[in-house]
Amino acid sequence: MDAFTLFADPQRPRERSVVGISVSKTVGTAVTRNLVRRRLAALLHDSLLDRTPERLLIVARPSAAAASFDELRAQLHKALG
C-alpha cells in the first residue's frame, strides 16, 4: 500500500519548487507524525534538486508510519517519475 498521496501542479511556472506536507493524526502520535514529516521532507529535498520547479502536496497515509526510509524513497521516486 502506498504510504502517501502526491498531488502536483506543474502548470504554473515557478522560480523554485513549493512543497506542502500534510500528516494528520490518523498517522499516529505527534512523535510518529513528526518522524514521517521529517523523512518526507528530507527525501523531497534530495529529489527536487534536479527537477523543474513545481507545486507539490504530499498527504501521508497511516501506512507511512510503518514504512522504512528506503521504502518511502522508493515510493517517492516512483511517484515523481
PDB file of N, CA and C in Angstrom:
ATOM      1  N   MET A   1       0.842  -1.183   0.000  1.00  0.00           N
ATOM      2  CA  MET A   1       0.000   0.000   0.000  1.00  0.00           C
ATOM      3  C   MET A   1       0.886   1.246   0.000  1.00  0.00           C
ATOM      4  N   ASP A   2       0.449   2.261  -0.672  1.00  0.00           N
ATOM      5  CA  ASP A   2       1.213   3.498  -0.733  1.00  0.00           C
ATOM      6  C   ASP A   2       1.194   4.213   0.611  1.00  0.00           C
ATOM      7  N   ALA A   3       2.322   4.798   0.944  1.00  0.00           N
ATOM      8  CA  ALA A   3       2.457   5.494   2.220  1.00  0.00           C
ATOM      9  C   ALA A   3       1.991   6.947   2.142  1.00  0.00           C
ATOM     10  N   PHE A   4       1.762   7.444   0.926  1.00  0.00           N
ATOM     11  CA  PHE A   4       1.335   8.824   0.772  1.00  0.00           C
ATOM     12  C   PHE A   4       0.654   9.010  -0.573  1.00  0.00           C
ATOM     13  N   THR A   5      -0.029  10.143  -0.713  1.00  0.00           N
ATOM     14  CA  THR A   5      -0.621  10.559  -1.971  1.00  0.00           C
ATOM     15  C   THR A   5       0.096  11.830  -2.409  1.00  0.00           C
ATOM     16  N   LEU A   6       0.442  11.892  -3.686  1.00  0.00           N
ATOM     17  CA  LEU A   6       1.170  13.047  -4.215  1.00  0.00           C
ATOM     18  C   LEU A   6       0.279  13.799  -5.194  1.00  0.00           C
ATOM     19  N   PHE A   7       0.117  15.089  -4.944  1.00  0.00           N
ATOM     20  CA  PHE A   7      -0.615  15.962  -5.847  1.00  0.00           C
ATOM     21  C   PHE A   7       0.381  16.948  -6.444  1.00  0.00           C
ATOM     22  N   ALA A   8       0.338  17.132  -7.755  1.00  0.00           N
ATOM     23  CA  ALA A   8       1.276  18.036  -8.418  1.00  0.00           C
ATOM     24  C   ALA A   8       0.521  19.033  -9.281  1.00  0.00           C
ATOM     25  N   ASP A   9       1.061  20.246  -9.367  1.00  0.00           N
ATOM     26  CA  ASP A   9       0.522  21.296 -10.214  1.00  0.00           C
ATOM     27  C   ASP A   9       1.677  21.892 -11.010  1.00  0.00           C
ATOM     28  N   PRO A  10       2.109  21.200 -12.069  1.00  0.00           N
ATOM     29  CA  PRO A  10       3.265  21.669 -12.834  1.00  0.00           C
ATOM     30  C   PRO A  10       2.923  22.763 -13.847  1.00  0.00           C
ATOM     31  N   GLN A  11       1.673  23.177 -13.924  1.00  0.00           N
ATOM     32  CA  GLN A  11       1.243  24.122 -14.960  1.00  0.00           C
ATOM     33  C   GLN A  11       1.719  25.551 -14.718  1.00  0.00           C
ATOM     34  N   ARG A  12       1.930  25.914 -13.487  1.00  0.00           N
ATOM     35  CA  ARG A  12       2.308  27.295 -13.184  1.00  0.00           C
ATOM     36  C   ARG A  12       3.832  27.401 -13.111  1.00  0.00           C
ATOM     37  N   PRO A  13       4.438  28.219 -13.958  1.00  0.00           N
ATOM     38  CA  PRO A  13       5.895  28.370 -13.908  1.00  0.00           C
ATOM     39  C   PRO A  13       6.338  29.007 -12.587  1.00  0.00           C
ATOM     40  N   ARG A  14       7.411  28.496 -12.046  1.00  0.00           N
ATOM     41  CA  ARG A  14       7.913  28.966 -10.762  1.00  0.00           C
ATOM     42  C   ARG A  14       9.423  29.144 -10.827  1.00  0.00           C
ATOM     43  N   GLU A  15       9.939  29.973  -9.936  1.00  0.00           N
ATOM     44  CA  GLU A  15      11.384  30.106  -9.808  1.00  0.00           C
ATOM     45  C   GLU A  15      11.947  28.954  -8.998  1.00  0.00           C
ATOM     46  N   ARG A  16      11.157  28.462  -8.039  1.00  0.00           N
ATOM     47  CA  ARG A  16      11.575  27.337  -7.204  1.00  0.00           C
ATOM     48  C   ARG A  16      10.356  26.504  -6.847  1.00  0.00           C
ATOM     49  N   SER A  17      10.604  25.302  -6.410  1.00  0.00           N
ATOM     50  CA  SER A  17       9.502  24.405  -6.052  1.00  0.00           C
ATOM     51  C   SER A  17       8.848  24.845  -4.747  1.00  0.00           C
ATOM     52  N   VAL A  18       7.552  24.606  -4.664  1.00  0.00           N
ATOM     53  CA  VAL A  18       6.784  24.860  -3.449  1.00  0.00           C
ATOM     54  C   VAL A  18       6.187  23.526  -3.036  1.00  0.00           C
ATOM     55  N   VAL A  19       6.451  23.119  -1.788  1.00  0.00           N
ATOM     56  CA  VAL A  19       6.029  21.798  -1.338  1.00  0.00           C
ATOM     57  C   VAL A  19       5.268  21.923  -0.024  1.00  0.00           C
ATOM     58  N   GLY A  20       4.157  21.195   0.066  1.00  0.00           N
ATOM     59  CA  GLY A  20       3.405  21.081   1.306  1.00  0.00           C
ATOM     60  C   GLY A  20       3.374  19.630   1.732  1.00  0.00           C
ATOM     61  N   ILE A  21       3.532  19.384   3.024  1.00  0.00           N
ATOM     62  CA  ILE A  21       3.478  18.027   3.559  1.00  0.00           C
ATOM     63  C   ILE A  21       2.404  18.012   4.636  1.00  0.00           C
ATOM     64  N   SER A  22       1.424  17.147   4.465  1.00  0.00           N
ATOM     65  CA  SER A  22       0.328  17.029   5.411  1.00  0.00           C
ATOM     66  C   SER A  22       0.378  15.650   6.069  1.00  0.00           C
ATOM     67  N   VAL A  23       0.453  15.652   7.402  1.00  0.00           N
ATOM     68  CA  VAL A  23       0.478  14.397   8.154  1.00  0.00           C
ATOM     69  C   VAL A  23      -0.575  14.529   9.248  1.00  0.00           C
ATOM     70  N   SER A  24      -1.709  13.861   9.070  1.00  0.00           N
ATOM     71  CA  SER A  24      -2.815  14.016  10.014  1.00  0.00           C
ATOM     72  C   SER A  24      -2.662  13.094  11.219  1.00  0.00           C
ATOM     73  N   LYS A  25      -3.534  13.267  12.180  1.00  0.00           N
ATOM     74  CA  LYS A  25      -3.490  12.471  13.407  1.00  0.00           C
ATOM     75  C   LYS A  25      -3.767  10.994  13.173  1.00  0.00           C
ATOM     76  N   THR A  26      -4.330  10.645  12.017  1.00  0.00           N
ATOM     77  CA  THR A  26      -4.580   9.231  11.734  1.00  0.00           C
ATOM     78  C   THR A  26      -3.279   8.467  11.506  1.00  0.00           C
ATOM     79  N   VAL A  27      -2.180   9.185  11.254  1.00  0.00           N
ATOM     80  CA  VAL A  27      -0.877   8.537  11.032  1.00  0.00           C
ATOM     81  C   VAL A  27      -0.301   8.033  12.346  1.00  0.00           C
ATOM     82  N   GLY A  28      -0.549   8.726  13.444  1.00  0.00           N
ATOM     83  CA  GLY A  28      -0.029   8.271  14.733  1.00  0.00           C
ATOM     84  C   GLY A  28       0.109   9.418  15.716  1.00  0.00           C
ATOM     85  N   THR A  29       0.921   9.169  16.735  1.00  0.00           N
ATOM     86  CA  THR A  29       1.161  10.178  17.760  1.00  0.00           C
ATOM     87  C   THR A  29       1.989  11.320  17.178  1.00  0.00           C
ATOM     88  N   ALA A  30       2.163  12.380  17.956  1.00  0.00           N
ATOM     89  CA  ALA A  30       2.922  13.538  17.490  1.00  0.00           C
ATOM     90  C   ALA A  30       4.352  13.150  17.120  1.00  0.00           C
ATOM     91  N   VAL A  31       4.958  12.277  17.899  1.00  0.00           N
ATOM     92  CA  VAL A  31       6.327  11.842  17.610  1.00  0.00           C
ATOM     93  C   VAL A  31       6.381  11.116  16.270  1.00  0.00           C
ATOM     94  N   THR A  32       5.422  10.247  16.018  1.00  0.00           N
ATOM     95  CA  THR A  32       5.370   9.497  14.763  1.00  0.00           C
ATOM     96  C   THR A  32       5.097  10.421  13.585  1.00  0.00           C
ATOM     97  N   ARG A  33       4.166  11.344  13.757  1.00  0.00           N
ATOM     98  CA  ARG A  33       3.851  12.286  12.682  1.00  0.00           C
ATOM     99  C   ARG A  33       5.061  13.139  12.317  1.00  0.00           C
ATOM    100  N   ASN A  34       5.792  13.610  13.320  1.00  0.00           N
ATOM    101  CA  ASN A  34       6.980  14.413  13.057  1.00  0.00           C
ATOM    102  C   ASN A  34       8.064  13.597  12.370  1.00  0.00           C
ATOM    103  N   LEU A  35       8.213  12.331  12.745  1.00  0.00           N
ATOM    104  CA  LEU A  35       9.188  11.461  12.092  1.00  0.00           C
ATOM    105  C   LEU A  35       8.847  11.285  10.611  1.00  0.00           C
ATOM    106  N   VAL A  36       7.587  11.022  10.322  1.00  0.00           N
ATOM    107  CA  VAL A  36       7.140  10.857   8.931  1.00  0.00           C
ATOM    108  C   VAL A  36       7.358  12.154   8.153  1.00  0.00           C
ATOM    109  N   ARG A  37       6.989  13.285   8.745  1.00  0.00           N
ATOM    110  CA  ARG A  37       7.162  14.578   8.081  1.00  0.00           C
ATOM    111  C   ARG A  37       8.638  14.860   7.792  1.00  0.00           C
ATOM    112  N   ARG A  38       9.512  14.603   8.758  1.00  0.00           N
ATOM    113  CA  ARG A  38      10.947  14.845   8.557  1.00  0.00           C
ATOM    114  C   ARG A  38      11.529  13.929   7.488  1.00  0.00           C
ATOM    115  N   ARG A  39      11.101  12.679   7.475  1.00  0.00           N
ATOM    116  CA  ARG A  39      11.583  11.741   6.447  1.00  0.00           C
ATOM    117  C   ARG A  39      11.155  12.196   5.053  1.00  0.00           C
ATOM    118  N   LEU A  40       9.888  12.550   4.909  1.00  0.00           N
ATOM    119  CA  LEU A  40       9.400  13.000   3.602  1.00  0.00           C
ATOM    120  C   LEU A  40      10.086  14.291   3.171  1.00  0.00           C
ATOM    121  N   ALA A  41      10.298  15.204   4.101  1.00  0.00           N
ATOM    122  CA  ALA A  41      10.971  16.462   3.763  1.00  0.00           C
ATOM    123  C   ALA A  41      12.401  16.207   3.292  1.00  0.00           C
ATOM    124  N   ALA A  42      13.119  15.324   3.955  1.00  0.00           N
ATOM    125  CA  ALA A  42      14.494  15.007   3.557  1.00  0.00           C
ATOM    126  C   ALA A  42      14.530  14.367   2.175  1.00  0.00           C
ATOM    127  N   LEU A  43      13.617  13.450   1.930  1.00  0.00           N
ATOM    128  CA  LEU A  43      13.565  12.798   0.624  1.00  0.00           C
ATOM    129  C   LEU A  43      13.208  13.786  -0.474  1.00  0.00           C
ATOM    130  N   LEU A  44      12.272  14.666  -0.204  1.00  0.00           N
ATOM    131  CA  LEU A  44      11.882  15.666  -1.194  1.00  0.00           C
ATOM    132  C   LEU A  44      13.017  16.645  -1.481  1.00  0.00           C
ATOM    133  N   HIS A  45      13.735  17.036  -0.460  1.00  0.00           N
ATOM    134  CA  HIS A  45      14.845  17.965  -0.651  1.00  0.00           C
ATOM    135  C   HIS A  45      15.851  17.389  -1.642  1.00  0.00           C
ATOM    136  N   ASP A  46      16.195  16.125  -1.473  1.00  0.00           N
ATOM    137  CA  ASP A  46      17.155  15.487  -2.374  1.00  0.00           C
ATOM    138  C   ASP A  46      16.567  15.262  -3.760  1.00  0.00           C
ATOM    139  N   SER A  47      15.288  14.937  -3.838  1.00  0.00           N
ATOM    140  CA  SER A  47      14.669  14.589  -5.114  1.00  0.00           C
ATOM    141  C   SER A  47      14.366  15.798  -5.986  1.00  0.00           C
ATOM    142  N   LEU A  48      14.149  16.961  -5.390  1.00  0.00           N
ATOM    143  CA  LEU A  48      13.719  18.127  -6.162  1.00  0.00           C
ATOM    144  C   LEU A  48      14.869  18.985  -6.683  1.00  0.00           C
ATOM    145  N   LEU A  49      16.098  18.651  -6.322  1.00  0.00           N
ATOM    146  CA  LEU A  49      17.234  19.469  -6.744  1.00  0.00           C
ATOM    147  C   LEU A  49      17.395  19.515  -8.253  1.00  0.00           C
ATOM    148  N   ASP A  50      17.130  18.420  -8.937  1.00  0.00           N
ATOM    149  CA  ASP A  50      17.349  18.336 -10.379  1.00  0.00           C
ATOM    150  C   ASP A  50      16.066  18.414 -11.193  1.00  0.00           C
ATOM    151  N   ARG A  51      14.969  18.801 -10.571  1.00  0.00           N
ATOM    152  CA  ARG A  51      13.684  18.830 -11.270  1.00  0.00           C
ATOM    153  C   ARG A  51      13.273  20.256 -11.622  1.00  0.00           C
ATOM    154  N   THR A  52      12.378  20.355 -12.580  1.00  0.00           N
ATOM    155  CA  THR A  52      11.775  21.639 -12.918  1.00  0.00           C
ATOM    156  C   THR A  52      10.932  22.104 -11.732  1.00  0.00           C
ATOM    157  N   PRO A  53      11.001  23.371 -11.368  1.00  0.00           N
ATOM    158  CA  PRO A  53      10.202  23.855 -10.233  1.00  0.00           C
ATOM    159  C   PRO A  53       8.706  23.597 -10.443  1.00  0.00           C
ATOM    160  N   GLU A  54       8.042  23.159  -9.401  1.00  0.00           N
ATOM    161  CA  GLU A  54       6.614  22.863  -9.464  1.00  0.00           C
ATOM    162  C   GLU A  54       6.011  22.963  -8.080  1.00  0.00           C
ATOM    163  N   ARG A  55       4.694  22.890  -8.017  1.00  0.00           N
ATOM    164  CA  ARG A  55       3.975  22.874  -6.746  1.00  0.00           C
ATOM    165  C   ARG A  55       3.584  21.445  -6.428  1.00  0.00           C
ATOM    166  N   LEU A  56       3.900  20.997  -5.220  1.00  0.00           N
ATOM    167  CA  LEU A  56       3.591  19.629  -4.808  1.00  0.00           C
ATOM    168  C   LEU A  56       2.912  19.639  -3.445  1.00  0.00           C
ATOM    169  N   LEU A  57       2.028  18.682  -3.257  1.00  0.00           N
ATOM    170  CA  LEU A  57       1.426  18.437  -1.951  1.00  0.00           C
ATOM    171  C   LEU A  57       1.525  16.946  -1.690  1.00  0.00           C
ATOM    172  N   ILE A  58       2.076  16.587  -0.540  1.00  0.00           N
ATOM    173  CA  ILE A  58       2.163  15.185  -0.145  1.00  0.00           C
ATOM    174  C   ILE A  58       1.282  14.999   1.079  1.00  0.00           C
ATOM    175  N   VAL A  59       0.362  14.053   0.987  1.00  0.00           N
ATOM    176  CA  VAL A  59      -0.521  13.723   2.099  1.00  0.00           C
ATOM    177  C   VAL A  59      -0.147  12.325   2.574  1.00  0.00           C
ATOM    178  N   ALA A  60       0.394  12.249   3.780  1.00  0.00           N
ATOM    179  CA  ALA A  60       0.829  10.963   4.325  1.00  0.00           C
ATOM    180  C   ALA A  60      -0.381  10.125   4.735  1.00  0.00           C
ATOM    181  N   ARG A  61      -0.272   8.840   4.491  1.00  0.00           N
ATOM    182  CA  ARG A  61      -1.302   7.886   4.910  1.00  0.00           C
ATOM    183  C   ARG A  61      -0.813   7.163   6.161  1.00  0.00           C
ATOM    184  N   PRO A  62      -1.716   6.509   6.892  1.00  0.00           N
ATOM    185  CA  PRO A  62      -1.296   5.810   8.105  1.00  0.00           C
ATOM    186  C   PRO A  62      -0.184   4.779   7.874  1.00  0.00           C
ATOM    187  N   SER A  63      -0.119   4.185   6.695  1.00  0.00           N
ATOM    188  CA  SER A  63       0.929   3.189   6.436  1.00  0.00           C
ATOM    189  C   SER A  63       2.324   3.817   6.374  1.00  0.00           C
ATOM    190  N   ALA A  64       2.407   5.143   6.270  1.00  0.00           N
ATOM    191  CA  ALA A  64       3.711   5.814   6.253  1.00  0.00           C
ATOM    192  C   ALA A  64       4.440   5.647   7.581  1.00  0.00           C
ATOM    193  N   ALA A  65       3.697   5.488   8.661  1.00  0.00           N
ATOM    194  CA  ALA A  65       4.318   5.333   9.975  1.00  0.00           C
ATOM    195  C   ALA A  65       5.134   4.045  10.058  1.00  0.00           C
ATOM    196  N   ALA A  66       4.700   3.006   9.374  1.00  0.00           N
ATOM    197  CA  ALA A  66       5.398   1.717   9.421  1.00  0.00           C
ATOM    198  C   ALA A  66       6.429   1.567   8.312  1.00  0.00           C
ATOM    199  N   ALA A  67       6.439   2.482   7.359  1.00  0.00           N
ATOM    200  CA  ALA A  67       7.353   2.377   6.223  1.00  0.00           C
ATOM    201  C   ALA A  67       8.759   2.828   6.624  1.00  0.00           C
ATOM    202  N   SER A  68       9.753   2.109   6.122  1.00  0.00           N
ATOM    203  CA  SER A  68      11.136   2.494   6.377  1.00  0.00           C
ATOM    204  C   SER A  68      11.518   3.659   5.469  1.00  0.00           C
ATOM    205  N   PHE A  69      12.666   4.256   5.754  1.00  0.00           N
ATOM    206  CA  PHE A  69      13.162   5.364   4.944  1.00  0.00           C
ATOM    207  C   PHE A  69      13.357   4.914   3.504  1.00  0.00           C
ATOM    208  N   ASP A  70      13.912   3.723   3.299  1.00  0.00           N
ATOM    209  CA  ASP A  70      14.143   3.201   1.950  1.00  0.00           C
ATOM    210  C   ASP A  70      12.837   2.927   1.214  1.00  0.00           C
ATOM    211  N   GLU A  71      11.824   2.451   1.930  1.00  0.00           N
ATOM    212  CA  GLU A  71      10.522   2.217   1.304  1.00  0.00           C
ATOM    213  C   GLU A  71       9.885   3.537   0.874  1.00  0.00           C
ATOM    214  N   LEU A  72      10.000   4.557   1.717  1.00  0.00           N
ATOM    215  CA  LEU A  72       9.470   5.870   1.352  1.00  0.00           C
ATOM    216  C   LEU A  72      10.222   6.438   0.150  1.00  0.00           C
ATOM    217  N   ARG A  73      11.548   6.253   0.122  1.00  0.00           N
ATOM    218  CA  ARG A  73      12.354   6.737  -1.003  1.00  0.00           C
ATOM    219  C   ARG A  73      11.908   6.081  -2.309  1.00  0.00           C
ATOM    220  N   ALA A  74      11.717   4.763  -2.281  1.00  0.00           N
ATOM    221  CA  ALA A  74      11.301   4.043  -3.483  1.00  0.00           C
ATOM    222  C   ALA A  74       9.929   4.513  -3.960  1.00  0.00           C
ATOM    223  N   GLN A  75       9.003   4.715  -3.039  1.00  0.00           N
ATOM    224  CA  GLN A  75       7.665   5.170  -3.414  1.00  0.00           C
ATOM    225  C   GLN A  75       7.694   6.591  -3.957  1.00  0.00           C
ATOM    226  N   LEU A  76       8.543   7.443  -3.374  1.00  0.00           N
ATOM    227  CA  LEU A  76       8.625   8.821  -3.848  1.00  0.00           C
ATOM    228  C   LEU A  76       9.230   8.880  -5.248  1.00  0.00           C
ATOM    229  N   HIS A  77      10.276   8.114  -5.500  1.00  0.00           N
ATOM    230  CA  HIS A  77      10.879   8.098  -6.841  1.00  0.00           C
ATOM    231  C   HIS A  77       9.891   7.582  -7.870  1.00  0.00           C
ATOM    232  N   LYS A  78       9.104   6.591  -7.474  1.00  0.00           N
ATOM    233  CA  LYS A  78       8.084   6.056  -8.383  1.00  0.00           C
ATOM    234  C   LYS A  78       7.004   7.111  -8.647  1.00  0.00           C
ATOM    235  N   ALA A  79       6.590   7.833  -7.602  1.00  0.00           N
ATOM    236  CA  ALA A  79       5.534   8.832  -7.758  1.00  0.00           C
ATOM    237  C   ALA A  79       6.005  10.034  -8.585  1.00  0.00           C
ATOM    238  N   LEU A  80       7.252  10.432  -8.403  1.00  0.00           N
ATOM    239  CA  LEU A  80       7.761  11.577  -9.149  1.00  0.00           C
ATOM    240  C   LEU A  80       8.127  11.244 -10.572  1.00  0.00           C
ATOM    241  N   GLY A  81       8.338   9.961 -10.836  1.00  0.00           N
ATOM    242  CA  GLY A  81       8.643   9.522 -12.194  1.00  0.00           C
ATOM    243  C   GLY A  81      10.023   9.753 -12.535  1.00  0.00           C
TER     244      GLY A  81
END
